[in-house]
PDB file of N, CA and C in Angstrom:
ATOM      1  N   MET A   1    -134.496 -55.255-144.542  1.00  0.00           N
ATOM      2  CA  MET A   1    -134.641 -53.610-145.160  1.00  0.00           C
ATOM      3  C   MET A   1    -134.899 -52.990-143.880  1.00  0.00           C
ATOM      4  N   ALA A   2    -134.766 -51.868-144.225  1.00  0.00           N
ATOM      5  CA  ALA A   2    -134.633 -50.819-143.159  1.00  0.00           C
ATOM      6  C   ALA A   2    -136.186 -50.479-142.569  1.00  0.00           C
ATOM      7  N   LYS A   3    -136.314 -49.846-141.513  1.00  0.00           N
ATOM      8  CA  LYS A   3    -137.351 -49.492-140.654  1.00  0.00           C
ATOM      9  C   LYS A   3    -137.318 -48.108-139.970  1.00  0.00           C
ATOM     10  N   ILE A   4    -138.289 -47.341-140.182  1.00  0.00           N
ATOM     11  CA  ILE A   4    -138.479 -46.170-139.813  1.00  0.00           C
ATOM     12  C   ILE A   4    -139.508 -45.838-138.662  1.00  0.00           C
ATOM     13  N   LYS A   5    -139.641 -45.465-137.837  1.00  0.00           N
ATOM     14  CA  LYS A   5    -140.747 -44.818-136.729  1.00  0.00           C
ATOM     15  C   LYS A   5    -140.645 -43.268-137.027  1.00  0.00           C
ATOM     16  N   PHE A   6    -141.948 -42.987-137.178  1.00  0.00           N
ATOM     17  CA  PHE A   6    -141.989 -41.581-137.547  1.00  0.00           C
ATOM     18  C   PHE A   6    -143.064 -41.273-136.287  1.00  0.00           C
ATOM     19  N   LYS A   7    -142.650 -40.141-135.831  1.00  0.00           N
ATOM     20  CA  LYS A   7    -143.487 -39.605-134.559  1.00  0.00           C
ATOM     21  C   LYS A   7    -143.682 -38.144-135.059  1.00  0.00           C
ATOM     22  N   PHE A   8    -144.480 -37.221-134.515  1.00  0.00           N
ATOM     23  CA  PHE A   8    -144.971 -36.064-135.104  1.00  0.00           C
ATOM     24  C   PHE A   8    -145.169 -35.215-133.651  1.00  0.00           C
ATOM     25  N   GLU A   9    -144.665 -33.748-133.836  1.00  0.00           N
ATOM     26  CA  GLU A   9    -144.832 -32.830-133.108  1.00  0.00           C
ATOM     27  C   GLU A   9    -146.380 -32.579-132.781  1.00  0.00           C
ATOM     28  N   ASN A  10    -147.145 -32.657-133.861  1.00  0.00           N
ATOM     29  CA  ASN A  10    -148.567 -32.287-134.152  1.00  0.00           C
ATOM     30  C   ASN A  10    -149.226 -33.794-132.972  1.00  0.00           C
ATOM     31  N   PRO A  11    -149.702 -33.262-131.658  1.00  0.00           N
ATOM     32  CA  PRO A  11    -150.365 -34.540-131.091  1.00  0.00           C
ATOM     33  C   PRO A  11    -151.399 -35.354-131.709  1.00  0.00           C
ATOM     34  N   SER A  12    -151.997 -34.462-132.580  1.00  0.00           N
ATOM     35  CA  SER A  12    -153.295 -35.155-133.334  1.00  0.00           C
ATOM     36  C   SER A  12    -152.782 -36.308-134.423  1.00  0.00           C
ATOM     37  N   ILE A  13    -151.599 -36.317-134.842  1.00  0.00           N
ATOM     38  CA  ILE A  13    -151.307 -37.350-135.630  1.00  0.00           C
ATOM     39  C   ILE A  13    -150.711 -38.414-135.164  1.00  0.00           C
ATOM     40  N   PRO A  14    -150.811 -40.015-135.348  1.00  0.00           N
ATOM     41  CA  PRO A  14    -150.551 -40.989-134.465  1.00  0.00           C
ATOM     42  C   PRO A  14    -149.149 -41.392-135.288  1.00  0.00           C
ATOM     43  N   GLU A  15    -147.995 -41.794-134.297  1.00  0.00           N
ATOM     44  CA  GLU A  15    -146.874 -42.456-134.693  1.00  0.00           C
ATOM     45  C   GLU A  15    -147.363 -43.401-135.961  1.00  0.00           C
ATOM     46  N   LYS A  16    -146.473 -43.295-137.066  1.00  0.00           N
ATOM     47  CA  LYS A  16    -146.374 -44.408-138.098  1.00  0.00           C
ATOM     48  C   LYS A  16    -145.071 -45.156-138.455  1.00  0.00           C
ATOM     49  N   ILE A  17    -145.269 -46.453-138.405  1.00  0.00           N
ATOM     50  CA  ILE A  17    -143.954 -47.442-138.682  1.00  0.00           C
ATOM     51  C   ILE A  17    -143.859 -47.890-140.167  1.00  0.00           C
ATOM     52  N   VAL A  18    -142.882 -47.548-140.891  1.00  0.00           N
ATOM     53  CA  VAL A  18    -142.696 -47.827-142.240  1.00  0.00           C
ATOM     54  C   VAL A  18    -141.435 -48.710-142.364  1.00  0.00           C
ATOM     55  N   GLU A  19    -141.922 -50.016-142.893  1.00  0.00           N
ATOM     56  CA  GLU A  19    -140.933 -51.054-142.903  1.00  0.00           C
ATOM     57  C   GLU A  19    -140.780 -51.481-144.413  1.00  0.00           C
ATOM     58  N   ASN A  20    -139.886 -52.244-144.561  1.00  0.00           N
ATOM     59  CA  ASN A  20    -139.138 -52.568-146.051  1.00  0.00           C
ATOM     60  C   ASN A  20    -138.631 -51.250-146.568  1.00  0.00           C
ATOM     61  N   VAL A  21    -137.985 -50.508-146.177  1.00  0.00           N
ATOM     62  CA  VAL A  21    -137.586 -49.072-146.610  1.00  0.00           C
ATOM     63  C   VAL A  21    -136.244 -49.711-147.419  1.00  0.00           C
ATOM     64  N   GLU A  22    -136.065 -49.494-148.649  1.00  0.00           N
ATOM     65  CA  GLU A  22    -134.576 -50.046-149.268  1.00  0.00           C
ATOM     66  C   GLU A  22    -133.631 -48.736-148.740  1.00  0.00           C
ATOM     67  N   LYS A  23    -132.070 -48.998-149.143  1.00  0.00           N
ATOM     68  CA  LYS A  23    -131.086 -48.174-148.820  1.00  0.00           C
ATOM     69  C   LYS A  23    -131.101 -47.385-149.902  1.00  0.00           C
ATOM     70  N   GLY A  24    -130.712 -46.276-149.870  1.00  0.00           N
ATOM     71  CA  GLY A  24    -130.336 -45.578-151.296  1.00  0.00           C
ATOM     72  C   GLY A  24    -131.377 -44.296-151.212  1.00  0.00           C
ATOM     73  N   ILE A  25    -132.499 -44.241-150.620  1.00  0.00           N
ATOM     74  CA  ILE A  25    -133.340 -43.393-150.714  1.00  0.00           C
ATOM     75  C   ILE A  25    -133.035 -42.509-149.607  1.00  0.00           C
ATOM     76  N   SER A  26    -133.886 -41.420-149.546  1.00  0.00           N
ATOM     77  CA  SER A  26    -133.853 -40.337-148.722  1.00  0.00           C
ATOM     78  C   SER A  26    -135.346 -40.482-147.434  1.00  0.00           C
ATOM     79  N   VAL A  27    -134.953 -40.062-146.401  1.00  0.00           N
ATOM     80  CA  VAL A  27    -136.267 -40.324-145.567  1.00  0.00           C
ATOM     81  C   VAL A  27    -137.451 -39.252-146.086  1.00  0.00           C
ATOM     82  N   LEU A  28    -137.097 -38.029-146.679  1.00  0.00           N
ATOM     83  CA  LEU A  28    -138.213 -37.630-147.521  1.00  0.00           C
ATOM     84  C   LEU A  28    -139.097 -38.395-148.493  1.00  0.00           C
ATOM     85  N   GLU A  29    -138.091 -39.167-149.461  1.00  0.00           N
ATOM     86  CA  GLU A  29    -138.823 -40.140-150.179  1.00  0.00           C
ATOM     87  C   GLU A  29    -139.736 -40.933-149.780  1.00  0.00           C
ATOM     88  N   VAL A  30    -139.175 -41.546-148.484  1.00  0.00           N
ATOM     89  CA  VAL A  30    -139.917 -42.418-147.843  1.00  0.00           C
ATOM     90  C   VAL A  30    -141.287 -41.788-147.213  1.00  0.00           C
ATOM     91  N   THR A  31    -141.248 -40.531-146.520  1.00  0.00           N
ATOM     92  CA  THR A  31    -142.687 -39.974-146.176  1.00  0.00           C
ATOM     93  C   THR A  31    -143.517 -39.548-147.635  1.00  0.00           C
ATOM     94  N   GLU A  32    -142.904 -39.304-149.055  1.00  0.00           N
ATOM     95  CA  GLU A  32    -143.772 -39.399-150.214  1.00  0.00           C
ATOM     96  C   GLU A  32    -144.710 -40.545-150.504  1.00  0.00           C
ATOM     97  N   ASP A  33    -143.668 -41.534-150.011  1.00  0.00           N
ATOM     98  CA  ASP A  33    -144.179 -42.860-150.669  1.00  0.00           C
ATOM     99  C   ASP A  33    -145.244 -43.489-149.972  1.00  0.00           C
ATOM    100  N   ASN A  34    -145.482 -42.878-148.419  1.00  0.00           N
ATOM    101  CA  ASN A  34    -146.012 -43.791-147.404  1.00  0.00           C
ATOM    102  C   ASN A  34    -147.247 -42.550-146.716  1.00  0.00           C
ATOM    103  N   ASP A  35    -147.367 -41.417-147.952  1.00  0.00           N
ATOM    104  CA  ASP A  35    -148.668 -40.637-147.441  1.00  0.00           C
ATOM    105  C   ASP A  35    -148.125 -39.876-145.752  1.00  0.00           C
ATOM    106  N   ILE A  36    -147.018 -39.392-145.691  1.00  0.00           N
ATOM    107  CA  ILE A  36    -146.666 -38.893-144.567  1.00  0.00           C
ATOM    108  C   ILE A  36    -146.418 -37.334-144.708  1.00  0.00           C
ATOM    109  N   HIS A  37    -146.967 -36.405-144.056  1.00  0.00           N
ATOM    110  CA  HIS A  37    -146.906 -35.182-144.619  1.00  0.00           C
ATOM    111  C   HIS A  37    -145.564 -34.514-144.248  1.00  0.00           C
ATOM    112  N   LEU A  38    -145.000 -34.127-144.937  1.00  0.00           N
ATOM    113  CA  LEU A  38    -143.480 -33.402-145.053  1.00  0.00           C
ATOM    114  C   LEU A  38    -143.266 -32.510-145.977  1.00  0.00           C
ATOM    115  N   ASN A  39    -143.227 -31.033-145.789  1.00  0.00           N
ATOM    116  CA  ASN A  39    -143.346 -30.033-146.738  1.00  0.00           C
ATOM    117  C   ASN A  39    -142.180 -29.954-147.425  1.00  0.00           C
ATOM    118  N   HIS A  40    -141.783 -29.435-148.496  1.00  0.00           N
ATOM    119  CA  HIS A  40    -140.617 -29.545-149.198  1.00  0.00           C
ATOM    120  C   HIS A  40    -140.726 -28.609-150.348  1.00  0.00           C
ATOM    121  N   ASN A  41    -139.742 -27.611-150.426  1.00  0.00           N
ATOM    122  CA  ASN A  41    -139.736 -26.673-151.488  1.00  0.00           C
ATOM    123  C   ASN A  41    -138.987 -26.479-153.018  1.00  0.00           C
ATOM    124  N   CYS A  42    -137.514 -27.203-152.287  1.00  0.00           N
ATOM    125  CA  CYS A  42    -136.431 -27.106-153.382  1.00  0.00           C
ATOM    126  C   CYS A  42    -136.220 -28.455-154.392  1.00  0.00           C
ATOM    127  N   GLY A  43    -137.146 -29.099-154.333  1.00  0.00           N
ATOM    128  CA  GLY A  43    -136.642 -30.595-155.092  1.00  0.00           C
ATOM    129  C   GLY A  43    -135.808 -31.319-154.814  1.00  0.00           C
ATOM    130  N   GLU A  44    -135.576 -31.305-153.421  1.00  0.00           N
ATOM    131  CA  GLU A  44    -134.668 -32.100-152.713  1.00  0.00           C
ATOM    132  C   GLU A  44    -133.406 -32.190-153.365  1.00  0.00           C
ATOM    133  N   VAL A  45    -132.694 -30.847-153.299  1.00  0.00           N
ATOM    134  CA  VAL A  45    -131.464 -30.346-153.799  1.00  0.00           C
ATOM    135  C   VAL A  45    -130.871 -29.673-152.800  1.00  0.00           C
ATOM    136  N   CYS A  46    -131.396 -30.005-151.541  1.00  0.00           N
ATOM    137  CA  CYS A  46    -130.522 -29.248-150.140  1.00  0.00           C
ATOM    138  C   CYS A  46    -130.534 -27.562-150.613  1.00  0.00           C
ATOM    139  N   ALA A  47    -131.802 -26.760-150.906  1.00  0.00           N
ATOM    140  CA  ALA A  47    -131.692 -25.277-151.167  1.00  0.00           C
ATOM    141  C   ALA A  47    -132.692 -24.552-150.098  1.00  0.00           C
ATOM    142  N   CYS A  48    -133.192 -25.232-149.454  1.00  0.00           N
ATOM    143  CA  CYS A  48    -134.214 -24.789-148.389  1.00  0.00           C
ATOM    144  C   CYS A  48    -134.312 -25.347-147.082  1.00  0.00           C
ATOM    145  N   SER A  49    -135.172 -25.237-146.056  1.00  0.00           N
ATOM    146  CA  SER A  49    -135.005 -25.960-144.870  1.00  0.00           C
ATOM    147  C   SER A  49    -136.565 -26.370-144.601  1.00  0.00           C
ATOM    148  N   THR A  50    -137.256 -26.179-145.648  1.00  0.00           N
ATOM    149  CA  THR A  50    -138.841 -26.876-145.417  1.00  0.00           C
ATOM    150  C   THR A  50    -139.071 -28.385-144.603  1.00  0.00           C
ATOM    151  N   CYS A  51    -137.990 -29.355-145.335  1.00  0.00           N
ATOM    152  CA  CYS A  51    -138.198 -30.791-144.922  1.00  0.00           C
ATOM    153  C   CYS A  51    -137.465 -31.019-143.568  1.00  0.00           C
ATOM    154  N   HIS A  52    -137.127 -29.799-142.830  1.00  0.00           N
ATOM    155  CA  HIS A  52    -136.703 -29.844-141.594  1.00  0.00           C
ATOM    156  C   HIS A  52    -137.097 -31.320-140.670  1.00  0.00           C
ATOM    157  N   ILE A  53    -136.387 -31.824-140.282  1.00  0.00           N
ATOM    158  CA  ILE A  53    -136.796 -33.281-139.345  1.00  0.00           C
ATOM    159  C   ILE A  53    -135.640 -33.534-138.230  1.00  0.00           C
ATOM    160  N   TYR A  54    -136.011 -34.162-137.068  1.00  0.00           N
ATOM    161  CA  TYR A  54    -135.052 -34.520-136.077  1.00  0.00           C
ATOM    162  C   TYR A  54    -135.433 -35.922-136.118  1.00  0.00           C
ATOM    163  N   VAL A  55    -133.974 -36.183-136.064  1.00  0.00           N
ATOM    164  CA  VAL A  55    -133.305 -37.872-136.250  1.00  0.00           C
ATOM    165  C   VAL A  55    -133.463 -38.322-134.679  1.00  0.00           C
ATOM    166  N   GLU A  56    -133.863 -38.902-134.120  1.00  0.00           N
ATOM    167  CA  GLU A  56    -134.122 -39.312-132.547  1.00  0.00           C
ATOM    168  C   GLU A  56    -133.284 -40.630-132.459  1.00  0.00           C
ATOM    169  N   LYS A  57    -133.245 -41.638-133.414  1.00  0.00           N
ATOM    170  CA  LYS A  57    -132.620 -42.673-133.396  1.00  0.00           C
ATOM    171  C   LYS A  57    -131.720 -42.989-134.643  1.00  0.00           C
ATOM    172  N   GLY A  58    -130.244 -43.499-134.944  1.00  0.00           N
ATOM    173  CA  GLY A  58    -130.347 -44.167-136.144  1.00  0.00           C
ATOM    174  C   GLY A  58    -129.861 -43.319-136.939  1.00  0.00           C
ATOM    175  N   ASP A  59    -128.968 -42.109-136.282  1.00  0.00           N
ATOM    176  CA  ASP A  59    -128.204 -41.256-137.467  1.00  0.00           C
ATOM    177  C   ASP A  59    -126.971 -41.794-138.055  1.00  0.00           C
ATOM    178  N   GLU A  60    -126.652 -42.921-137.325  1.00  0.00           N
ATOM    179  CA  GLU A  60    -125.222 -43.652-137.894  1.00  0.00           C
ATOM    180  C   GLU A  60    -125.608 -44.479-139.163  1.00  0.00           C
ATOM    181  N   PHE A  61    -126.938 -44.762-139.502  1.00  0.00           N
ATOM    182  CA  PHE A  61    -127.285 -45.303-140.856  1.00  0.00           C
ATOM    183  C   PHE A  61    -127.519 -44.607-141.869  1.00  0.00           C
ATOM    184  N   LEU A  62    -127.305 -43.010-141.719  1.00  0.00           N
ATOM    185  CA  LEU A  62    -127.463 -42.056-142.408  1.00  0.00           C
ATOM    186  C   LEU A  62    -126.404 -41.389-143.296  1.00  0.00           C
ATOM    187  N   ALA A  63    -126.632 -40.585-144.236  1.00  0.00           N
ATOM    188  CA  ALA A  63    -125.208 -40.143-144.929  1.00  0.00           C
ATOM    189  C   ALA A  63    -124.862 -39.012-143.979  1.00  0.00           C
ATOM    190  N   GLU A  64    -123.757 -38.671-143.942  1.00  0.00           N
ATOM    191  CA  GLU A  64    -123.054 -37.702-142.946  1.00  0.00           C
ATOM    192  C   GLU A  64    -123.757 -36.470-143.335  1.00  0.00           C
ATOM    193  N   ILE A  65    -123.948 -35.537-142.175  1.00  0.00           N
ATOM    194  CA  ILE A  65    -124.379 -34.255-142.380  1.00  0.00           C
ATOM    195  C   ILE A  65    -123.339 -33.489-143.407  1.00  0.00           C
ATOM    196  N   THR A  66    -123.538 -32.475-144.187  1.00  0.00           N
ATOM    197  CA  THR A  66    -122.630 -31.799-145.095  1.00  0.00           C
ATOM    198  C   THR A  66    -122.692 -30.643-144.081  1.00  0.00           C
ATOM    199  N   ASP A  67    -121.951 -29.532-144.739  1.00  0.00           N
ATOM    200  CA  ASP A  67    -121.822 -28.103-144.134  1.00  0.00           C
ATOM    201  C   ASP A  67    -122.812 -27.362-145.121  1.00  0.00           C
ATOM    202  N   ARG A  68    -123.466 -27.689-146.130  1.00  0.00           N
ATOM    203  CA  ARG A  68    -124.568 -27.042-146.751  1.00  0.00           C
ATOM    204  C   ARG A  68    -125.604 -27.184-145.974  1.00  0.00           C
ATOM    205  N   GLU A  69    -125.423 -28.622-145.609  1.00  0.00           N
ATOM    206  CA  GLU A  69    -127.029 -28.992-144.959  1.00  0.00           C
ATOM    207  C   GLU A  69    -127.031 -28.315-143.423  1.00  0.00           C
ATOM    208  N   GLU A  70    -126.227 -28.030-143.230  1.00  0.00           N
ATOM    209  CA  GLU A  70    -125.785 -27.532-141.609  1.00  0.00           C
ATOM    210  C   GLU A  70    -126.170 -25.902-141.861  1.00  0.00           C
ATOM    211  N   ASP A  71    -126.250 -25.485-142.969  1.00  0.00           N
ATOM    212  CA  ASP A  71    -126.351 -23.886-143.041  1.00  0.00           C
ATOM    213  C   ASP A  71    -127.812 -23.969-143.370  1.00  0.00           C
ATOM    214  N   PHE A  72    -128.293 -24.537-144.172  1.00  0.00           N
ATOM    215  CA  PHE A  72    -129.790 -24.616-144.089  1.00  0.00           C
ATOM    216  C   PHE A  72    -130.579 -25.038-142.858  1.00  0.00           C
ATOM    217  N   ILE A  73    -130.278 -25.839-142.195  1.00  0.00           N
ATOM    218  CA  ILE A  73    -130.668 -26.142-140.959  1.00  0.00           C
ATOM    219  C   ILE A  73    -130.808 -25.066-140.026  1.00  0.00           C
ATOM    220  N   ASP A  74    -129.474 -24.272-139.849  1.00  0.00           N
ATOM    221  CA  ASP A  74    -129.866 -23.027-139.406  1.00  0.00           C
ATOM    222  C   ASP A  74    -131.031 -22.078-139.382  1.00  0.00           C
ATOM    223  N   ARG A  75    -131.559 -22.322-140.471  1.00  0.00           N
ATOM    224  CA  ARG A  75    -132.556 -21.371-141.123  1.00  0.00           C
ATOM    225  C   ARG A  75    -134.006 -21.856-140.483  1.00  0.00           C
ATOM    226  N   ALA A  76    -133.964 -23.407-140.366  1.00  0.00           N
ATOM    227  CA  ALA A  76    -135.285 -23.955-139.771  1.00  0.00           C
ATOM    228  C   ALA A  76    -135.616 -23.294-138.581  1.00  0.00           C
ATOM    229  N   THR A  77    -136.934 -23.716-138.247  1.00  0.00           N
ATOM    230  CA  THR A  77    -137.787 -23.315-137.114  1.00  0.00           C
ATOM    231  C   THR A  77    -137.124 -24.516-135.923  1.00  0.00           C
ATOM    232  N   ASN A  78    -136.746 -24.000-134.914  1.00  0.00           N
ATOM    233  CA  ASN A  78    -136.327 -24.750-133.746  1.00  0.00           C
ATOM    234  C   ASN A  78    -135.517 -25.777-134.377  1.00  0.00           C
ATOM    235  N   PRO A  79    -134.368 -25.613-134.454  1.00  0.00           N
ATOM    236  CA  PRO A  79    -132.949 -26.568-134.823  1.00  0.00           C
ATOM    237  C   PRO A  79    -132.747 -27.049-133.633  1.00  0.00           C
ATOM    238  N   THR A  80    -132.348 -28.404-133.571  1.00  0.00           N
ATOM    239  CA  THR A  80    -131.666 -28.767-132.200  1.00  0.00           C
ATOM    240  C   THR A  80    -130.378 -29.710-133.070  1.00  0.00           C
ATOM    241  N   ILE A  81    -129.614 -30.364-132.122  1.00  0.00           N
ATOM    242  CA  ILE A  81    -128.643 -31.101-132.440  1.00  0.00           C
ATOM    243  C   ILE A  81    -129.008 -32.390-133.159  1.00  0.00           C
ATOM    244  N   GLU A  82    -130.348 -32.698-133.082  1.00  0.00           N
ATOM    245  CA  GLU A  82    -131.161 -33.723-133.888  1.00  0.00           C
ATOM    246  C   GLU A  82    -131.373 -33.536-135.195  1.00  0.00           C
ATOM    247  N   SER A  83    -131.526 -32.026-135.526  1.00  0.00           N
ATOM    248  CA  SER A  83    -131.722 -31.718-136.674  1.00  0.00           C
ATOM    249  C   SER A  83    -131.166 -32.278-137.997  1.00  0.00           C
ATOM    250  N   ARG A  84    -131.926 -32.600-139.150  1.00  0.00           N
ATOM    251  CA  ARG A  84    -131.449 -32.833-140.259  1.00  0.00           C
ATOM    252  C   ARG A  84    -132.344 -32.537-141.399  1.00  0.00           C
ATOM    253  N   LEU A  85    -132.020 -32.440-142.414  1.00  0.00           N
ATOM    254  CA  LEU A  85    -133.208 -32.207-143.836  1.00  0.00           C
ATOM    255  C   LEU A  85    -133.467 -33.427-144.582  1.00  0.00           C
ATOM    256  N   GLY A  86    -134.854 -33.751-144.317  1.00  0.00           N
ATOM    257  CA  GLY A  86    -135.350 -34.782-144.901  1.00  0.00           C
ATOM    258  C   GLY A  86    -134.700 -35.674-146.110  1.00  0.00           C
ATOM    259  N   CYS A  87    -134.460 -34.735-147.187  1.00  0.00           N
ATOM    260  CA  CYS A  87    -133.888 -34.989-148.508  1.00  0.00           C
ATOM    261  C   CYS A  87    -132.287 -35.435-148.742  1.00  0.00           C
ATOM    262  N   GLN A  88    -131.629 -35.068-147.345  1.00  0.00           N
ATOM    263  CA  GLN A  88    -130.395 -35.179-147.410  1.00  0.00           C
ATOM    264  C   GLN A  88    -130.206 -36.529-146.405  1.00  0.00           C
ATOM    265  N   CYS A  89    -130.895 -36.979-145.742  1.00  0.00           N
ATOM    266  CA  CYS A  89    -131.095 -38.328-144.814  1.00  0.00           C
ATOM    267  C   CYS A  89    -131.120 -39.605-145.861  1.00  0.00           C
ATOM    268  N   ILE A  90    -130.048 -39.690-146.362  1.00  0.00           N
ATOM    269  CA  ILE A  90    -129.981 -41.094-147.355  1.00  0.00           C
ATOM    270  C   ILE A  90    -129.415 -42.131-146.438  1.00  0.00           C
ATOM    271  N   ILE A  91    -130.468 -43.409-146.788  1.00  0.00           N
ATOM    272  CA  ILE A  91    -130.389 -44.463-146.034  1.00  0.00           C
ATOM    273  C   ILE A  91    -129.409 -45.197-146.517  1.00  0.00           C
ATOM    274  N   LEU A  92    -128.292 -45.476-145.807  1.00  0.00           N
ATOM    275  CA  LEU A  92    -127.016 -46.185-146.201  1.00  0.00           C
ATOM    276  C   LEU A  92    -126.922 -47.587-145.934  1.00  0.00           C
ATOM    277  N   ASP A  93    -127.806 -48.227-144.909  1.00  0.00           N
ATOM    278  CA  ASP A  93    -127.697 -49.617-144.804  1.00  0.00           C
ATOM    279  C   ASP A  93    -129.174 -50.137-144.424  1.00  0.00           C
ATOM    280  N   GLU A  94    -129.050 -51.290-145.216  1.00  0.00           N
ATOM    281  CA  GLU A  94    -130.679 -52.170-145.340  1.00  0.00           C
ATOM    282  C   GLU A  94    -131.186 -52.811-144.052  1.00  0.00           C
ATOM    283  N   ASN A  95    -130.130 -52.423-142.998  1.00  0.00           N
ATOM    284  CA  ASN A  95    -130.836 -52.830-141.853  1.00  0.00           C
ATOM    285  C   ASN A  95    -131.153 -51.838-140.815  1.00  0.00           C
ATOM    286  N   ALA A  96    -130.905 -50.585-141.130  1.00  0.00           N
ATOM    287  CA  ALA A  96    -131.242 -49.327-140.526  1.00  0.00           C
ATOM    288  C   ALA A  96    -132.647 -49.426-139.652  1.00  0.00           C
ATOM    289  N   ASP A  97    -132.409 -48.811-138.546  1.00  0.00           N
ATOM    290  CA  ASP A  97    -133.599 -48.915-137.385  1.00  0.00           C
ATOM    291  C   ASP A  97    -133.288 -47.252-136.986  1.00  0.00           C
ATOM    292  N   LEU A  98    -134.619 -46.416-137.749  1.00  0.00           N
ATOM    293  CA  LEU A  98    -134.274 -45.021-137.552  1.00  0.00           C
ATOM    294  C   LEU A  98    -135.679 -44.877-136.639  1.00  0.00           C
ATOM    295  N   GLU A  99    -135.716 -43.526-135.844  1.00  0.00           N
ATOM    296  CA  GLU A  99    -136.723 -43.230-135.246  1.00  0.00           C
ATOM    297  C   GLU A  99    -136.496 -41.594-135.912  1.00  0.00           C
ATOM    298  N   VAL A 100    -137.844 -40.770-136.124  1.00  0.00           N
ATOM    299  CA  VAL A 100    -137.754 -39.429-136.910  1.00  0.00           C
ATOM    300  C   VAL A 100    -138.970 -38.799-136.083  1.00  0.00           C
ATOM    301  N   THR A 101    -138.609 -37.833-135.685  1.00  0.00           N
ATOM    302  CA  THR A 101    -139.892 -36.748-135.395  1.00  0.00           C
ATOM    303  C   THR A 101    -139.982 -35.728-136.674  1.00  0.00           C
ATOM    304  N   ILE A 102    -141.183 -35.334-137.209  1.00  0.00           N
ATOM    305  CA  ILE A 102    -141.441 -34.178-137.839  1.00  0.00           C
ATOM    306  C   ILE A 102    -142.153 -32.999-137.227  1.00  0.00           C
ATOM    307  N   PRO A 103    -141.572 -32.005-137.464  1.00  0.00           N
ATOM    308  CA  PRO A 103    -142.072 -30.798-136.447  1.00  0.00           C
ATOM    309  C   PRO A 103    -143.450 -30.643-137.282  1.00  0.00           C
ATOM    310  N   ASP A 104    -144.019 -29.619-136.490  1.00  0.00           N
ATOM    311  CA  ASP A 104    -145.539 -29.555-136.771  1.00  0.00           C
ATOM    312  C   ASP A 104    -145.316 -29.004-138.191  1.00  0.00           C
ATOM    313  N   GLN A 105    -146.294 -29.084-138.994  1.00  0.00           N
ATOM    314  CA  GLN A 105    -146.027 -28.767-140.403  1.00  0.00           C
ATOM    315  C   GLN A 105    -147.014 -27.426-140.496  1.00  0.00           C
ATOM    316  N   SER A 106    -147.960 -27.238-139.682  1.00  0.00           N
ATOM    317  CA  SER A 106    -148.969 -26.356-139.695  1.00  0.00           C
ATOM    318  C   SER A 106    -148.505 -24.660-140.182  1.00  0.00           C
ATOM    319  N   SER A 107    -147.248 -24.542-139.679  1.00  0.00           N
ATOM    320  CA  SER A 107    -146.591 -23.134-139.904  1.00  0.00           C
ATOM    321  C   SER A 107    -145.540 -22.895-140.931  1.00  0.00           C
ATOM    322  N   ILE A 108    -145.435 -24.116-141.604  1.00  0.00           N
ATOM    323  CA  ILE A 108    -144.355 -24.056-142.733  1.00  0.00           C
ATOM    324  C   ILE A 108    -145.389 -24.226-144.047  1.00  0.00           C
ATOM    325  N   ILE A 109    -145.020 -23.343-144.853  1.00  0.00           N
ATOM    326  CA  ILE A 109    -145.295 -23.110-146.422  1.00  0.00           C
ATOM    327  C   ILE A 109    -144.528 -23.965-147.153  1.00  0.00           C
ATOM    328  N   GLY A 110    -144.930 -24.985-147.710  1.00  0.00           N
ATOM    329  CA  GLY A 110    -144.222 -25.828-148.638  1.00  0.00           C
ATOM    330  C   GLY A 110    -145.012 -26.624-149.590  1.00  0.00           C
ATOM    331  N   HIS A 111    -144.307 -27.422-150.268  1.00  0.00           N
ATOM    332  CA  HIS A 111    -145.092 -28.210-151.188  1.00  0.00           C
ATOM    333  C   HIS A 111    -145.512 -29.511-150.442  1.00  0.00           C
ATOM    334  N   GLU A 112    -146.634 -30.178-150.461  1.00  0.00           N
ATOM    335  CA  GLU A 112    -147.109 -31.399-149.986  1.00  0.00           C
ATOM    336  C   GLU A 112    -147.231 -31.992-151.156  1.00  0.00           C
ATOM    337  N   HIS A 113    -146.929 -33.489-150.805  1.00  0.00           N
ATOM    338  CA  HIS A 113    -147.190 -34.646-151.802  1.00  0.00           C
ATOM    339  C   HIS A 113    -148.693 -34.638-152.272  1.00  0.00           C
TER     340      HIS A 113
END
């Protein structure tokens, strides 16, 4: 089963490793199932940028980025080459090993789980 190491821009939040992640679900779903705060507003349909994350390691284990996702990433705060939307990061490999950084959520207005 896949493993995701979550890091946080907010230095007061410690890293969290989630193991036994099933393939076929999104990184956003993993955050919801494991009490990791990641805002999201659109209901996981790639219609906003509130679930913006940075995939530091393991992008090859995720569904490819689409033009639509790229358009919404451009609207996110501080996008980089590692930027993705958590709702669109579907885990494709049961042996995936990912590292994800969650931007500081304090200035993002969005739905919390």
